[in-house]
Amino acid sequence: MNGLSDVRLTLHSQELTAGQTDSARNVPMGNASSGLSRWDLFWRRLHTRKALLALTTDQLKDIGLTRELALEEGLKPFWRT
């Protein structure tokens, strides 16, 4: 795999575990389903958001995102969920 599924899971992991799509942004950081430490979570967000910004339109389409959604997520600071 080329990591696209990892990016999608990172973006939607809270939504997938909570079964919700609209209130996942309000879930506290301590509830990260992957069991990562806070710093590991920050590091992962930083790198996956950078990778998201580098995806082409076709790659974004493959993971079900528009360029606007990718920019919105990719430009967030790493400390924000």
C-alpha atoms as a PDB file:
ATOM      1  CA  MET A   1       0.000   0.000   0.000  1.00  0.00           C
ATOM      2  CA  ASN A   2       1.098   3.552  -0.512  1.00  0.00           C
ATOM      3  CA  GLY A   3      -0.082   4.997   2.816  1.00  0.00           C
ATOM      4  CA  LEU A   4      -3.344   6.471   1.589  1.00  0.00           C
ATOM      5  CA  SER A   5      -5.385   4.256   3.859  1.00  0.00           C
ATOM      6  CA  ASP A   6      -3.220   5.373   6.796  1.00  0.00           C
ATOM      7  CA  VAL A   7      -3.996   9.015   6.006  1.00  0.00           C
ATOM      8  CA  ARG A   8      -7.702   8.301   5.798  1.00  0.00           C
ATOM      9  CA  LEU A   9      -7.701   6.374   9.064  1.00  0.00           C
ATOM     10  CA  THR A  10      -5.833   9.172  10.776  1.00  0.00           C
ATOM     11  CA  LEU A  11      -8.322  11.752   9.562  1.00  0.00           C
ATOM     12  CA  HIS A  12     -11.365   9.698  10.445  1.00  0.00           C
ATOM     13  CA  SER A  13     -10.187   7.439  13.286  1.00  0.00           C
ATOM     14  CA  GLN A  14     -12.274   9.176  15.905  1.00  0.00           C
ATOM     15  CA  GLU A  15     -15.325   9.109  13.655  1.00  0.00           C
ATOM     16  CA  LEU A  16     -14.857   5.420  12.936  1.00  0.00           C
ATOM     17  CA  THR A  17     -14.544   4.454  16.590  1.00  0.00           C
ATOM     18  CA  ALA A  18     -17.359   6.710  17.776  1.00  0.00           C
ATOM     19  CA  GLY A  19     -19.643   5.891  14.849  1.00  0.00           C
ATOM     20  CA  GLN A  20     -20.302   9.585  14.354  1.00  0.00           C
ATOM     21  CA  THR A  21     -19.307  12.047  11.665  1.00  0.00           C
ATOM     22  CA  ASP A  22     -20.217  15.433  13.076  1.00  0.00           C
ATOM     23  CA  SER A  23     -19.101  15.445  16.696  1.00  0.00           C
ATOM     24  CA  ALA A  24     -15.811  13.560  16.381  1.00  0.00           C
ATOM     25  CA  ARG A  25     -13.864  16.808  16.589  1.00  0.00           C
ATOM     26  CA  ASN A  26     -15.111  17.295  20.148  1.00  0.00           C
ATOM     27  CA  VAL A  27     -13.638  14.016  21.420  1.00  0.00           C
ATOM     28  CA  PRO A  28     -10.818  14.618  23.940  1.00  0.00           C
ATOM     29  CA  MET A  29      -7.298  13.818  22.780  1.00  0.00           C
ATOM     30  CA  GLY A  30      -6.872  11.188  25.504  1.00  0.00           C
ATOM     31  CA  ASN A  31      -9.385   8.961  23.716  1.00  0.00           C
ATOM     32  CA  ALA A  32      -7.107   8.229  20.775  1.00  0.00           C
ATOM     33  CA  SER A  33      -7.992   4.690  19.769  1.00  0.00           C
ATOM     34  CA  SER A  34      -4.461   3.824  18.708  1.00  0.00           C
ATOM     35  CA  GLY A  35      -3.028   4.037  22.235  1.00  0.00           C
ATOM     36  CA  LEU A  36      -0.369   6.535  21.195  1.00  0.00           C
ATOM     37  CA  SER A  37       1.194   8.913  23.677  1.00  0.00           C
ATOM     38  CA  ARG A  38       0.378  12.577  23.291  1.00  0.00           C
ATOM     39  CA  TRP A  39       3.712  13.320  21.579  1.00  0.00           C
ATOM     40  CA  ASP A  40       3.399  10.330  19.274  1.00  0.00           C
ATOM     41  CA  LEU A  41      -0.079  11.518  18.335  1.00  0.00           C
ATOM     42  CA  PHE A  42       1.227  15.031  17.619  1.00  0.00           C
ATOM     43  CA  TRP A  43       4.085  13.621  15.529  1.00  0.00           C
ATOM     44  CA  ARG A  44       1.704  11.388  13.566  1.00  0.00           C
ATOM     45  CA  ARG A  45      -0.720  14.261  12.922  1.00  0.00           C
ATOM     46  CA  LEU A  46       2.101  16.514  11.727  1.00  0.00           C
ATOM     47  CA  HIS A  47       3.375  14.007   9.205  1.00  0.00           C
ATOM     48  CA  THR A  48       0.037  12.726   7.958  1.00  0.00           C
ATOM     49  CA  ARG A  49      -1.238  16.271   7.461  1.00  0.00           C
ATOM     50  CA  LYS A  50       1.872  17.136   5.460  1.00  0.00           C
ATOM     51  CA  ALA A  51       1.349  13.995   3.391  1.00  0.00           C
ATOM     52  CA  LEU A  52      -2.283  14.939   2.844  1.00  0.00           C
ATOM     53  CA  LEU A  53      -1.259  18.299   1.391  1.00  0.00           C
ATOM     54  CA  ALA A  54       1.052  16.537  -1.060  1.00  0.00           C
ATOM     55  CA  LEU A  55      -1.635  14.246  -2.522  1.00  0.00           C
ATOM     56  CA  THR A  56      -2.859  14.756  -6.051  1.00  0.00           C
ATOM     57  CA  THR A  57      -6.526  15.284  -6.924  1.00  0.00           C
ATOM     58  CA  ASP A  58      -6.808  11.672  -8.104  1.00  0.00           C
ATOM     59  CA  GLN A  59      -5.305  10.363  -4.865  1.00  0.00           C
ATOM     60  CA  LEU A  60      -7.687  12.509  -2.830  1.00  0.00           C
ATOM     61  CA  LYS A  61     -10.591  11.174  -4.869  1.00  0.00           C
ATOM     62  CA  ASP A  62      -9.437   7.622  -4.090  1.00  0.00           C
ATOM     63  CA  ILE A  63      -9.745   8.281  -0.343  1.00  0.00           C
ATOM     64  CA  GLY A  64     -12.984  10.206  -0.711  1.00  0.00           C
ATOM     65  CA  LEU A  65     -11.770  13.741  -0.013  1.00  0.00           C
ATOM     66  CA  THR A  66     -11.998  16.958  -1.969  1.00  0.00           C
ATOM     67  CA  ARG A  67      -9.097  19.387  -2.276  1.00  0.00           C
ATOM     68  CA  GLU A  68     -10.946  21.802   0.024  1.00  0.00           C
ATOM     69  CA  LEU A  69     -11.367  19.198   2.768  1.00  0.00           C
ATOM     70  CA  ALA A  70      -7.743  18.152   2.404  1.00  0.00           C
ATOM     71  CA  LEU A  71      -6.576  21.757   2.739  1.00  0.00           C
ATOM     72  CA  GLU A  72      -8.817  22.319   5.737  1.00  0.00           C
ATOM     73  CA  GLU A  73      -7.378  19.276   7.510  1.00  0.00           C
ATOM     74  CA  GLY A  74      -3.820  19.603   6.231  1.00  0.00           C
ATOM     75  CA  LEU A  75      -3.396  23.210   7.324  1.00  0.00           C
ATOM     76  CA  LYS A  76      -4.523  22.621  10.898  1.00  0.00           C
ATOM     77  CA  PRO A  77      -1.814  22.871  13.545  1.00  0.00           C
ATOM     78  CA  PHE A  78      -0.697  19.447  14.792  1.00  0.00           C
ATOM     79  CA  TRP A  79      -2.071  20.076  18.276  1.00  0.00           C
ATOM     80  CA  ARG A  80      -5.663  20.468  17.041  1.00  0.00           C
ATOM     81  CA  THR A  81      -7.948  17.505  16.412  1.00  0.00           C
END
